[in-house]
C-alpha cells in the first residue's frame, strides 16, 4: 500500500447547491487543524446520501452507500480511511483504505462515494498537501464582504483578462454568495500567474 504521508486531515463542513453546474452540489471540506476550505462538486444522488448522513436521518430502505457499508462489515472489512490524493482538471481522485485482518488494501473510488462511506463508518478523511495547495482557499475569505463585484459569473477567458486585484475581489464575492467552486477556479488562475 502506498498511502501519501504528506497529507492533512479534513472534515465535511456542509453541502450546498452549485451555482455553476446545473443539477450539481458543492460539498465543502475543511482542514481540521487549519483555515483552508476545499469545494468538491458532487452529483445529486451523492449529495442526498451525504446530507442524509450529516443530518442523522434514517431512510426507509438502505441507500447504496448504506448497502456498501453493510456488505463490508458482514465480510469482516473495516474502512480505515479515505485518501484524496490527486486533483486534475477539476476532478478529485480518492481511494478507500480497507483493513481485513490487518491487511490494508486501497480501492479506487469517486471522492463523493468515498466521503459518503467515510461518514457512515466514522472513518477519517485525508487530503494530500499538494491537493490542498491547488484546490483549497483560505477561510478568511468567507468573512469578506461583497465589494461591489458583479454578481454574474464571468467565463474563464474573462477571468484571464482581469488584474490580480480584480480576481481577488471576484474570489471574495464568490465566497460571499457560496459559489465555492467558482472561487477555487479563480484562485487557480491566480496561482498559475505566480508560477
N, C-alpha and C. Protein backbone atom coordinates (compact mmCIF):
# COMPACT_ATOMS: atom_id res chain seq x y z
N UNK A 1 0.86 -1.19 0.00
CA UNK A 1 0.00 0.00 0.00
C UNK A 1 0.89 1.23 0.00
N UNK A 2 0.50 2.29 -0.73
CA UNK A 2 1.34 3.48 -0.87
C UNK A 2 0.59 4.74 -0.47
N UNK A 3 0.19 4.82 0.80
CA UNK A 3 -0.53 5.99 1.28
C UNK A 3 0.45 7.15 1.42
N UNK A 4 0.10 8.31 0.87
CA UNK A 4 0.91 9.51 0.95
C UNK A 4 0.97 9.98 2.40
N UNK A 5 2.21 10.18 2.93
CA UNK A 5 2.35 10.64 4.31
C UNK A 5 2.30 12.15 4.42
N UNK A 6 2.46 12.87 3.31
CA UNK A 6 2.39 14.33 3.32
C UNK A 6 0.94 14.72 3.04
N UNK A 7 0.14 14.66 4.08
CA UNK A 7 -1.29 14.88 3.91
C UNK A 7 -1.88 15.54 5.14
N UNK A 8 -3.11 16.00 4.99
CA UNK A 8 -3.80 16.76 6.03
C UNK A 8 -5.17 16.13 6.25
N UNK A 9 -5.59 16.05 7.50
CA UNK A 9 -6.93 15.52 7.78
C UNK A 9 -7.95 16.61 7.51
N UNK A 10 -9.03 16.25 6.84
CA UNK A 10 -10.10 17.20 6.53
C UNK A 10 -11.42 16.66 7.06
N UNK A 11 -12.39 17.56 7.18
CA UNK A 11 -13.72 17.17 7.64
C UNK A 11 -14.76 17.80 6.73
N UNK A 12 -15.96 17.28 6.78
CA UNK A 12 -17.06 17.81 5.98
C UNK A 12 -17.70 18.96 6.74
N UNK A 13 -17.77 20.13 6.09
CA UNK A 13 -18.41 21.29 6.71
C UNK A 13 -19.88 21.40 6.34
N UNK A 14 -20.18 21.13 5.09
CA UNK A 14 -21.57 21.27 4.65
C UNK A 14 -21.70 20.99 3.17
N UNK A 15 -22.91 21.16 2.69
CA UNK A 15 -23.20 20.91 1.28
C UNK A 15 -24.19 21.96 0.82
N UNK A 16 -24.02 22.44 -0.41
CA UNK A 16 -24.89 23.48 -0.94
C UNK A 16 -25.09 23.27 -2.44
N UNK A 17 -26.09 23.90 -2.98
CA UNK A 17 -26.36 23.80 -4.41
C UNK A 17 -25.27 24.51 -5.20
N UNK A 18 -24.86 23.94 -6.33
CA UNK A 18 -23.83 24.54 -7.17
C UNK A 18 -24.41 25.67 -8.01
N UNK A 19 -23.71 26.81 -8.00
CA UNK A 19 -24.13 27.95 -8.82
C UNK A 19 -23.59 27.86 -10.24
N UNK A 20 -22.64 26.94 -10.47
CA UNK A 20 -22.01 26.84 -11.79
C UNK A 20 -22.51 25.67 -12.62
N UNK A 21 -22.88 24.57 -11.97
CA UNK A 21 -23.30 23.38 -12.70
C UNK A 21 -24.72 23.01 -12.31
N UNK A 22 -25.61 23.08 -13.28
CA UNK A 22 -27.00 22.76 -13.00
C UNK A 22 -27.12 21.29 -12.59
N UNK A 23 -27.89 21.04 -11.54
CA UNK A 23 -28.10 19.68 -11.07
C UNK A 23 -26.96 19.12 -10.23
N UNK A 24 -26.00 19.97 -9.88
CA UNK A 24 -24.87 19.52 -9.06
C UNK A 24 -24.87 20.26 -7.73
N UNK A 25 -24.11 19.74 -6.80
CA UNK A 25 -23.98 20.32 -5.48
C UNK A 25 -22.50 20.48 -5.15
N UNK A 26 -22.21 21.33 -4.17
CA UNK A 26 -20.84 21.53 -3.72
C UNK A 26 -20.73 21.04 -2.29
N UNK A 27 -19.84 20.10 -2.08
CA UNK A 27 -19.51 19.60 -0.76
C UNK A 27 -18.31 20.42 -0.28
N UNK A 28 -18.43 21.06 0.86
CA UNK A 28 -17.35 21.90 1.37
C UNK A 28 -16.59 21.15 2.45
N UNK A 29 -15.30 20.91 2.18
CA UNK A 29 -14.42 20.27 3.14
C UNK A 29 -13.57 21.34 3.81
N UNK A 30 -13.06 21.04 5.00
CA UNK A 30 -12.21 21.98 5.73
C UNK A 30 -11.05 21.24 6.36
N UNK A 31 -9.91 21.90 6.38
CA UNK A 31 -8.75 21.40 7.11
C UNK A 31 -9.12 21.29 8.59
N UNK A 32 -8.80 20.19 9.24
CA UNK A 32 -9.12 20.07 10.67
C UNK A 32 -8.28 20.99 11.53
N UNK A 33 -7.00 21.13 11.20
CA UNK A 33 -6.12 21.97 12.01
C UNK A 33 -5.59 23.15 11.20
N UNK A 34 -6.48 23.75 10.44
CA UNK A 34 -6.08 24.89 9.61
C UNK A 34 -7.29 25.66 9.17
N UNK A 35 -7.08 26.61 8.27
CA UNK A 35 -8.16 27.51 7.89
C UNK A 35 -8.59 27.38 6.43
N UNK A 36 -8.03 26.42 5.71
CA UNK A 36 -8.39 26.29 4.31
C UNK A 36 -9.65 25.47 4.10
N UNK A 37 -10.39 25.83 3.05
CA UNK A 37 -11.61 25.15 2.65
C UNK A 37 -11.43 24.61 1.24
N UNK A 38 -12.10 23.48 0.94
CA UNK A 38 -11.98 22.84 -0.36
C UNK A 38 -13.36 22.50 -0.88
N UNK A 39 -13.77 23.10 -2.00
CA UNK A 39 -15.06 22.75 -2.59
C UNK A 39 -14.93 21.53 -3.51
N UNK A 40 -15.86 20.59 -3.37
CA UNK A 40 -15.88 19.38 -4.21
C UNK A 40 -17.26 19.29 -4.84
N UNK A 41 -17.32 19.29 -6.15
CA UNK A 41 -18.60 19.19 -6.85
C UNK A 41 -19.05 17.73 -6.85
N UNK A 42 -20.30 17.51 -6.43
CA UNK A 42 -20.85 16.15 -6.36
C UNK A 42 -22.22 16.12 -7.05
N UNK A 43 -22.62 14.95 -7.46
CA UNK A 43 -23.92 14.78 -8.10
C UNK A 43 -25.06 14.78 -7.10
N UNK A 44 -26.27 14.81 -7.62
CA UNK A 44 -27.47 14.88 -6.79
C UNK A 44 -27.61 13.67 -5.86
N UNK A 45 -27.42 12.47 -6.38
CA UNK A 45 -27.59 11.26 -5.56
C UNK A 45 -26.58 11.22 -4.42
N UNK A 46 -25.32 11.57 -4.74
CA UNK A 46 -24.28 11.56 -3.72
C UNK A 46 -24.54 12.66 -2.69
N UNK A 47 -24.99 13.82 -3.16
CA UNK A 47 -25.31 14.93 -2.25
C UNK A 47 -26.42 14.51 -1.28
N UNK A 48 -27.43 13.85 -1.81
CA UNK A 48 -28.53 13.39 -0.97
C UNK A 48 -28.04 12.38 0.07
N UNK A 49 -27.20 11.46 -0.36
CA UNK A 49 -26.68 10.44 0.54
C UNK A 49 -25.83 11.07 1.65
N UNK A 50 -24.99 12.04 1.28
CA UNK A 50 -24.15 12.72 2.26
C UNK A 50 -25.01 13.54 3.22
N UNK A 51 -25.97 14.26 2.67
CA UNK A 51 -26.84 15.11 3.51
C UNK A 51 -27.65 14.27 4.50
N UNK A 52 -28.16 13.13 4.06
CA UNK A 52 -28.92 12.25 4.94
C UNK A 52 -28.06 11.82 6.13
N UNK A 53 -26.81 11.49 5.85
CA UNK A 53 -25.92 11.05 6.93
C UNK A 53 -25.54 12.22 7.84
N UNK A 54 -25.30 13.38 7.25
CA UNK A 54 -24.93 14.55 8.06
C UNK A 54 -26.05 14.95 9.01
N UNK A 55 -27.29 14.74 8.57
CA UNK A 55 -28.46 15.09 9.39
C UNK A 55 -28.92 13.94 10.28
N UNK A 56 -28.18 12.82 10.24
CA UNK A 56 -28.51 11.63 11.03
C UNK A 56 -29.93 11.13 10.78
N UNK A 57 -30.34 11.16 9.52
CA UNK A 57 -31.66 10.67 9.13
C UNK A 57 -31.57 9.19 8.77
N UNK A 58 -32.66 8.49 8.95
CA UNK A 58 -32.72 7.07 8.59
C UNK A 58 -33.66 6.90 7.42
N UNK A 59 -33.14 6.57 6.23
CA UNK A 59 -34.04 6.33 5.10
C UNK A 59 -34.83 5.05 5.34
N UNK A 60 -36.02 4.94 4.74
CA UNK A 60 -36.84 3.74 4.97
C UNK A 60 -36.17 2.46 4.46
N UNK A 61 -35.37 2.58 3.44
CA UNK A 61 -34.63 1.43 2.90
C UNK A 61 -33.17 1.85 2.76
N UNK A 62 -32.23 0.91 2.81
CA UNK A 62 -30.81 1.26 2.70
C UNK A 62 -30.50 1.92 1.34
N UNK A 63 -29.74 2.99 1.41
CA UNK A 63 -29.24 3.62 0.18
C UNK A 63 -27.98 2.87 -0.25
N UNK A 64 -27.47 3.17 -1.43
CA UNK A 64 -26.32 2.45 -1.97
C UNK A 64 -25.13 2.46 -1.01
N UNK A 65 -24.83 3.62 -0.43
CA UNK A 65 -23.68 3.70 0.48
C UNK A 65 -23.93 2.92 1.77
N UNK A 66 -25.17 2.88 2.23
CA UNK A 66 -25.51 2.07 3.39
C UNK A 66 -25.28 0.59 3.08
N UNK A 67 -25.68 0.19 1.89
CA UNK A 67 -25.51 -1.20 1.45
C UNK A 67 -24.04 -1.57 1.38
N UNK A 68 -23.22 -0.70 0.83
CA UNK A 68 -21.78 -0.96 0.75
C UNK A 68 -21.19 -1.16 2.14
N UNK A 69 -21.56 -0.29 3.07
CA UNK A 69 -21.05 -0.40 4.44
C UNK A 69 -21.52 -1.71 5.07
N UNK A 70 -22.78 -2.08 4.87
CA UNK A 70 -23.29 -3.35 5.41
C UNK A 70 -22.52 -4.54 4.86
N UNK A 71 -22.25 -4.52 3.56
CA UNK A 71 -21.51 -5.63 2.93
C UNK A 71 -20.10 -5.73 3.50
N UNK A 72 -19.41 -4.58 3.57
CA UNK A 72 -18.03 -4.62 4.09
C UNK A 72 -18.00 -5.12 5.52
N UNK A 73 -18.93 -4.65 6.34
CA UNK A 73 -18.95 -5.08 7.75
C UNK A 73 -19.23 -6.58 7.87
N UNK A 74 -20.17 -7.08 7.09
CA UNK A 74 -20.51 -8.52 7.15
C UNK A 74 -19.35 -9.39 6.67
N UNK A 75 -18.54 -8.82 5.78
CA UNK A 75 -17.39 -9.57 5.26
C UNK A 75 -16.13 -9.37 6.11
N UNK A 76 -16.27 -8.69 7.24
CA UNK A 76 -15.14 -8.50 8.13
C UNK A 76 -14.13 -7.47 7.65
N UNK A 77 -14.59 -6.54 6.85
CA UNK A 77 -13.70 -5.49 6.32
C UNK A 77 -14.03 -4.18 7.03
N UNK A 78 -12.97 -3.48 7.46
CA UNK A 78 -13.13 -2.20 8.16
C UNK A 78 -12.58 -1.09 7.26
N UNK A 79 -13.35 0.00 7.11
CA UNK A 79 -12.86 1.15 6.35
C UNK A 79 -11.94 1.94 7.28
N UNK A 80 -10.64 1.95 6.96
CA UNK A 80 -9.65 2.65 7.77
C UNK A 80 -9.70 4.15 7.56
N UNK A 81 -9.75 4.56 6.28
CA UNK A 81 -9.70 5.99 5.95
C UNK A 81 -10.00 6.21 4.48
N UNK A 82 -10.20 7.49 4.17
CA UNK A 82 -10.31 7.95 2.78
C UNK A 82 -9.07 8.78 2.51
N UNK A 83 -8.49 8.58 1.35
CA UNK A 83 -7.29 9.31 0.97
C UNK A 83 -7.56 10.03 -0.36
N UNK A 84 -7.68 11.36 -0.31
CA UNK A 84 -7.86 12.18 -1.52
C UNK A 84 -6.46 12.57 -1.96
N UNK A 85 -5.98 11.93 -3.02
CA UNK A 85 -4.56 12.03 -3.34
C UNK A 85 -4.21 12.85 -4.57
N UNK A 86 -5.20 13.21 -5.39
CA UNK A 86 -4.88 13.92 -6.62
C UNK A 86 -6.03 14.84 -7.02
N UNK A 87 -5.68 15.94 -7.70
CA UNK A 87 -6.66 16.85 -8.28
C UNK A 87 -6.17 17.20 -9.66
N UNK A 88 -6.95 16.85 -10.69
CA UNK A 88 -6.51 17.06 -12.07
C UNK A 88 -7.72 17.45 -12.92
N UNK A 89 -7.61 18.60 -13.57
CA UNK A 89 -8.67 19.09 -14.47
C UNK A 89 -10.02 19.15 -13.77
N UNK A 90 -10.01 19.61 -12.52
CA UNK A 90 -11.25 19.79 -11.78
C UNK A 90 -11.80 18.54 -11.12
N UNK A 91 -11.07 17.43 -11.21
CA UNK A 91 -11.55 16.17 -10.65
C UNK A 91 -10.63 15.73 -9.50
N UNK A 92 -11.26 15.38 -8.37
CA UNK A 92 -10.53 14.84 -7.22
C UNK A 92 -10.46 13.32 -7.36
N UNK A 93 -9.30 12.75 -7.04
CA UNK A 93 -9.11 11.30 -7.09
C UNK A 93 -8.89 10.79 -5.67
N UNK A 94 -9.58 9.69 -5.34
CA UNK A 94 -9.55 9.18 -3.97
C UNK A 94 -9.45 7.66 -3.93
N UNK A 95 -9.02 7.19 -2.78
CA UNK A 95 -9.07 5.76 -2.50
C UNK A 95 -9.70 5.55 -1.13
N UNK A 96 -10.34 4.42 -0.99
CA UNK A 96 -10.79 3.93 0.31
C UNK A 96 -9.69 2.97 0.78
N UNK A 97 -9.23 3.14 1.99
CA UNK A 97 -8.23 2.23 2.55
C UNK A 97 -8.99 1.26 3.45
N UNK A 98 -8.97 -0.01 3.07
CA UNK A 98 -9.72 -1.05 3.78
C UNK A 98 -8.78 -1.94 4.57
N UNK A 99 -9.27 -2.46 5.70
CA UNK A 99 -8.48 -3.33 6.56
C UNK A 99 -9.26 -4.62 6.78
N UNK A 100 -8.63 -5.71 6.41
CA UNK A 100 -9.23 -7.02 6.69
C UNK A 100 -8.17 -7.87 7.35
N UNK A 101 -8.39 -8.15 8.62
CA UNK A 101 -7.46 -8.97 9.40
C UNK A 101 -6.04 -8.41 9.35
N UNK A 102 -5.91 -7.09 9.43
CA UNK A 102 -4.59 -6.47 9.45
C UNK A 102 -3.97 -6.23 8.09
N UNK A 103 -4.62 -6.69 7.04
CA UNK A 103 -4.11 -6.48 5.68
C UNK A 103 -4.81 -5.25 5.09
N UNK A 104 -4.02 -4.22 4.74
CA UNK A 104 -4.58 -2.99 4.18
C UNK A 104 -4.59 -3.05 2.67
N UNK A 105 -5.68 -2.54 2.11
CA UNK A 105 -5.84 -2.51 0.65
C UNK A 105 -6.47 -1.19 0.25
N UNK A 106 -5.95 -0.59 -0.82
CA UNK A 106 -6.53 0.65 -1.35
C UNK A 106 -7.47 0.32 -2.51
N UNK A 107 -8.66 0.91 -2.48
CA UNK A 107 -9.65 0.71 -3.54
C UNK A 107 -9.96 2.07 -4.16
N UNK A 108 -9.79 2.17 -5.47
CA UNK A 108 -10.10 3.42 -6.18
C UNK A 108 -11.57 3.76 -5.99
N UNK A 109 -11.88 5.04 -5.77
CA UNK A 109 -13.25 5.46 -5.51
C UNK A 109 -13.46 6.89 -5.98
N UNK A 110 -14.67 7.18 -6.41
CA UNK A 110 -15.02 8.58 -6.62
C UNK A 110 -14.99 9.25 -5.25
N UNK A 111 -14.55 10.48 -5.20
CA UNK A 111 -14.42 11.17 -3.92
C UNK A 111 -15.77 11.29 -3.21
N UNK A 112 -16.82 11.57 -3.95
CA UNK A 112 -18.14 11.71 -3.32
C UNK A 112 -18.59 10.41 -2.68
N UNK A 113 -18.35 9.29 -3.34
CA UNK A 113 -18.71 7.99 -2.76
C UNK A 113 -17.85 7.68 -1.54
N UNK A 114 -16.56 7.95 -1.65
CA UNK A 114 -15.65 7.68 -0.53
C UNK A 114 -16.07 8.48 0.70
N UNK A 115 -16.43 9.74 0.51
CA UNK A 115 -16.83 10.58 1.64
C UNK A 115 -18.15 10.10 2.23
N UNK A 116 -19.10 9.71 1.37
CA UNK A 116 -20.38 9.19 1.87
C UNK A 116 -20.16 7.95 2.73
N UNK A 117 -19.23 7.10 2.32
CA UNK A 117 -18.92 5.89 3.09
C UNK A 117 -18.17 6.25 4.37
N UNK A 118 -17.22 7.19 4.29
CA UNK A 118 -16.47 7.61 5.47
C UNK A 118 -17.40 8.17 6.55
N UNK A 119 -18.39 8.94 6.13
CA UNK A 119 -19.33 9.49 7.11
C UNK A 119 -20.11 8.39 7.81
N UNK A 120 -20.44 7.34 7.08
CA UNK A 120 -21.21 6.24 7.67
C UNK A 120 -20.37 5.35 8.59
N UNK A 121 -19.07 5.29 8.33
CA UNK A 121 -18.19 4.43 9.13
C UNK A 121 -17.37 5.25 10.14
N UNK A 122 -17.59 6.55 10.14
CA UNK A 122 -16.84 7.47 11.01
C UNK A 122 -15.34 7.31 10.81
N UNK A 123 -14.95 7.15 9.55
CA UNK A 123 -13.54 6.99 9.19
C UNK A 123 -12.94 8.36 8.87
N UNK A 124 -11.65 8.54 9.16
CA UNK A 124 -11.02 9.83 8.85
C UNK A 124 -10.85 10.04 7.35
N UNK A 125 -10.85 11.30 6.96
CA UNK A 125 -10.65 11.68 5.57
C UNK A 125 -9.37 12.50 5.49
N UNK A 126 -8.44 12.09 4.62
CA UNK A 126 -7.18 12.79 4.45
C UNK A 126 -7.07 13.32 3.03
N UNK A 127 -6.35 14.44 2.90
CA UNK A 127 -6.10 15.03 1.59
C UNK A 127 -4.61 15.29 1.46
N UNK A 128 -4.05 14.93 0.31
CA UNK A 128 -2.64 15.22 0.06
C UNK A 128 -2.41 16.73 0.16
N UNK A 129 -1.31 17.11 0.77
CA UNK A 129 -0.99 18.54 0.92
C UNK A 129 -0.92 19.23 -0.43
N UNK A 130 -0.42 18.53 -1.44
CA UNK A 130 -0.33 19.11 -2.78
C UNK A 130 -1.71 19.40 -3.35
N UNK A 131 -2.70 18.57 -3.05
CA UNK A 131 -4.08 18.80 -3.50
C UNK A 131 -4.67 20.00 -2.76
N UNK A 132 -4.42 20.07 -1.47
CA UNK A 132 -4.92 21.18 -0.67
C UNK A 132 -4.35 22.51 -1.17
N UNK A 133 -3.09 22.51 -1.56
CA UNK A 133 -2.45 23.73 -2.08
C UNK A 133 -3.14 24.22 -3.35
N UNK A 134 -3.52 23.30 -4.22
CA UNK A 134 -4.11 23.66 -5.50
C UNK A 134 -5.60 23.96 -5.40
N UNK A 135 -6.33 23.17 -4.64
CA UNK A 135 -7.79 23.25 -4.63
C UNK A 135 -8.38 24.02 -3.46
N UNK A 136 -7.58 24.32 -2.44
CA UNK A 136 -8.11 24.97 -1.25
C UNK A 136 -8.03 26.49 -1.32
N UNK A 137 -8.80 27.13 -0.46
CA UNK A 137 -8.73 28.58 -0.29
C UNK A 137 -8.90 28.91 1.18
N UNK A 138 -8.43 30.08 1.58
CA UNK A 138 -8.45 30.48 2.99
C UNK A 138 -9.87 30.77 3.47
N UNK A 139 -10.18 30.31 4.66
CA UNK A 139 -11.50 30.53 5.25
C UNK A 139 -11.76 32.00 5.52
N UNK A 140 -10.72 32.79 5.70
CA UNK A 140 -10.91 34.22 5.97
C UNK A 140 -11.66 34.89 4.83
N UNK A 141 -11.59 34.31 3.64
CA UNK A 141 -12.33 34.86 2.51
C UNK A 141 -13.83 34.69 2.70
N UNK A 142 -14.24 33.74 3.53
CA UNK A 142 -15.67 33.55 3.81
C UNK A 142 -16.25 34.73 4.56
N UNK A 143 -15.40 35.44 5.30
CA UNK A 143 -15.87 36.56 6.09
C UNK A 143 -15.85 37.87 5.32
N UNK A 144 -15.34 37.84 4.08
CA UNK A 144 -15.24 39.05 3.29
C UNK A 144 -16.62 39.57 2.91
N UNK A 145 -16.74 40.83 2.83
CA UNK A 145 -17.99 41.45 2.40
C UNK A 145 -17.99 41.63 0.90
N UNK A 146 -19.17 41.75 0.32
CA UNK A 146 -19.31 42.00 -1.11
C UNK A 146 -18.70 43.36 -1.42
N UNK A 147 -17.73 43.38 -2.33
CA UNK A 147 -17.04 44.63 -2.65
C UNK A 147 -17.62 45.31 -3.88
N UNK A 148 -18.81 44.93 -4.25
CA UNK A 148 -19.45 45.56 -5.40
C UNK A 148 -19.16 44.83 -6.71
N UNK A 149 -18.44 43.72 -6.64
CA UNK A 149 -18.18 42.97 -7.86
C UNK A 149 -19.49 42.46 -8.43
N UNK A 150 -19.53 42.34 -9.72
CA UNK A 150 -20.75 41.90 -10.39
C UNK A 150 -21.15 40.52 -9.90
N UNK A 151 -22.46 40.31 -9.69
CA UNK A 151 -22.92 39.01 -9.22
C UNK A 151 -23.01 38.00 -10.35
N UNK A 152 -22.90 38.45 -11.59
CA UNK A 152 -22.94 37.50 -12.69
C UNK A 152 -21.60 36.81 -12.81
N UNK A 153 -21.63 35.54 -13.20
CA UNK A 153 -20.40 34.78 -13.30
C UNK A 153 -19.74 35.05 -14.64
N UNK A 154 -18.44 35.27 -14.60
CA UNK A 154 -17.68 35.51 -15.81
C UNK A 154 -17.17 34.18 -16.35
N UNK A 155 -16.78 34.18 -17.61
CA UNK A 155 -16.21 32.97 -18.19
C UNK A 155 -14.74 32.89 -17.83
N UNK A 156 -14.14 31.74 -18.05
CA UNK A 156 -12.73 31.54 -17.76
C UNK A 156 -11.89 32.57 -18.51
N UNK A 157 -12.22 32.84 -19.78
CA UNK A 157 -11.48 33.82 -20.58
C UNK A 157 -11.61 35.22 -19.99
N UNK A 158 -12.80 35.56 -19.48
CA UNK A 158 -12.98 36.87 -18.84
C UNK A 158 -12.06 37.00 -17.64
N UNK A 159 -11.94 35.93 -16.85
CA UNK A 159 -11.07 35.97 -15.68
C UNK A 159 -9.61 36.15 -16.07
N UNK A 160 -9.21 35.51 -17.15
CA UNK A 160 -7.82 35.60 -17.60
C UNK A 160 -7.42 37.04 -17.91
N UNK A 161 -8.37 37.85 -18.36
CA UNK A 161 -8.05 39.22 -18.74
C UNK A 161 -8.11 40.20 -17.56
N UNK A 162 -8.52 39.74 -16.38
CA UNK A 162 -8.64 40.62 -15.22
C UNK A 162 -7.31 40.73 -14.48
N UNK A 163 -7.15 41.83 -13.75
CA UNK A 163 -5.95 42.02 -12.93
C UNK A 163 -6.04 41.13 -11.70
N UNK A 164 -4.90 40.98 -11.01
CA UNK A 164 -4.88 40.17 -9.79
C UNK A 164 -5.85 40.74 -8.75
N UNK A 165 -5.88 42.06 -8.62
CA UNK A 165 -6.78 42.70 -7.65
C UNK A 165 -8.24 42.43 -7.99
N UNK A 166 -8.57 42.50 -9.29
CA UNK A 166 -9.95 42.22 -9.70
C UNK A 166 -10.32 40.76 -9.41
N UNK A 167 -9.38 39.87 -9.67
CA UNK A 167 -9.63 38.45 -9.41
C UNK A 167 -9.83 38.20 -7.92
N UNK A 168 -9.02 38.87 -7.08
CA UNK A 168 -9.18 38.70 -5.64
C UNK A 168 -10.57 39.18 -5.20
N UNK A 169 -11.03 40.29 -5.79
CA UNK A 169 -12.39 40.77 -5.49
C UNK A 169 -13.44 39.77 -5.93
N UNK A 170 -13.23 39.14 -7.08
CA UNK A 170 -14.17 38.12 -7.56
C UNK A 170 -14.20 36.90 -6.63
N UNK A 171 -13.02 36.51 -6.13
CA UNK A 171 -12.97 35.39 -5.18
C UNK A 171 -13.80 35.72 -3.95
N UNK A 172 -13.58 36.89 -3.41
CA UNK A 172 -14.31 37.30 -2.19
C UNK A 172 -15.81 37.32 -2.43
N UNK A 173 -16.22 37.81 -3.59
CA UNK A 173 -17.64 37.85 -3.89
C UNK A 173 -18.20 36.43 -4.05
N UNK A 174 -17.47 35.58 -4.78
CA UNK A 174 -17.93 34.20 -5.00
C UNK A 174 -18.10 33.48 -3.67
N UNK A 175 -17.17 33.67 -2.76
CA UNK A 175 -17.26 33.03 -1.45
C UNK A 175 -18.45 33.59 -0.66
N UNK A 176 -18.66 34.89 -0.76
CA UNK A 176 -19.77 35.52 -0.03
C UNK A 176 -21.12 34.96 -0.46
N UNK A 177 -21.24 34.58 -1.74
CA UNK A 177 -22.51 34.03 -2.24
C UNK A 177 -22.47 32.50 -2.29
N UNK A 178 -21.46 31.92 -1.64
CA UNK A 178 -21.29 30.47 -1.54
C UNK A 178 -21.08 29.78 -2.88
N UNK A 179 -20.44 30.47 -3.82
CA UNK A 179 -20.07 29.87 -5.11
C UNK A 179 -18.63 29.38 -4.99
N UNK A 180 -18.43 28.34 -4.16
CA UNK A 180 -17.09 27.91 -3.79
C UNK A 180 -16.28 27.38 -4.96
N UNK A 181 -16.93 26.66 -5.87
CA UNK A 181 -16.16 26.13 -6.99
C UNK A 181 -15.69 27.24 -7.92
N UNK A 182 -16.47 28.32 -8.04
CA UNK A 182 -16.02 29.48 -8.82
C UNK A 182 -14.83 30.13 -8.14
N UNK A 183 -14.88 30.26 -6.83
CA UNK A 183 -13.76 30.84 -6.08
C UNK A 183 -12.50 30.01 -6.28
N UNK A 184 -12.63 28.70 -6.24
CA UNK A 184 -11.47 27.83 -6.42
C UNK A 184 -10.91 27.95 -7.83
N UNK A 185 -11.78 28.06 -8.84
CA UNK A 185 -11.33 28.20 -10.21
C UNK A 185 -10.53 29.50 -10.38
N UNK A 186 -11.03 30.59 -9.82
CA UNK A 186 -10.34 31.88 -9.92
C UNK A 186 -9.01 31.81 -9.20
N UNK A 187 -8.99 31.16 -8.05
CA UNK A 187 -7.75 31.05 -7.29
C UNK A 187 -6.71 30.25 -8.07
N UNK A 188 -7.14 29.26 -8.83
CA UNK A 188 -6.19 28.50 -9.66
C UNK A 188 -5.57 29.41 -10.71
N UNK A 189 -6.34 30.31 -11.28
CA UNK A 189 -5.81 31.25 -12.26
C UNK A 189 -4.74 32.13 -11.61
N UNK A 190 -5.02 32.63 -10.41
CA UNK A 190 -4.03 33.44 -9.69
C UNK A 190 -2.76 32.66 -9.41
N UNK A 191 -2.90 31.38 -9.00
CA UNK A 191 -1.72 30.57 -8.72
C UNK A 191 -0.87 30.35 -9.96
N UNK A 192 -1.52 30.11 -11.10
CA UNK A 192 -0.78 29.89 -12.35
C UNK A 192 0.03 31.14 -12.71
N UNK A 193 -0.50 32.31 -12.43
CA UNK A 193 0.23 33.55 -12.73
C UNK A 193 1.48 33.69 -11.90
N UNK A 194 1.50 33.10 -10.72
CA UNK A 194 2.66 33.22 -9.83
C UNK A 194 3.76 32.24 -10.17
N UNK A 195 3.46 31.25 -11.02
CA UNK A 195 4.48 30.24 -11.38
C UNK A 195 5.53 30.81 -12.31
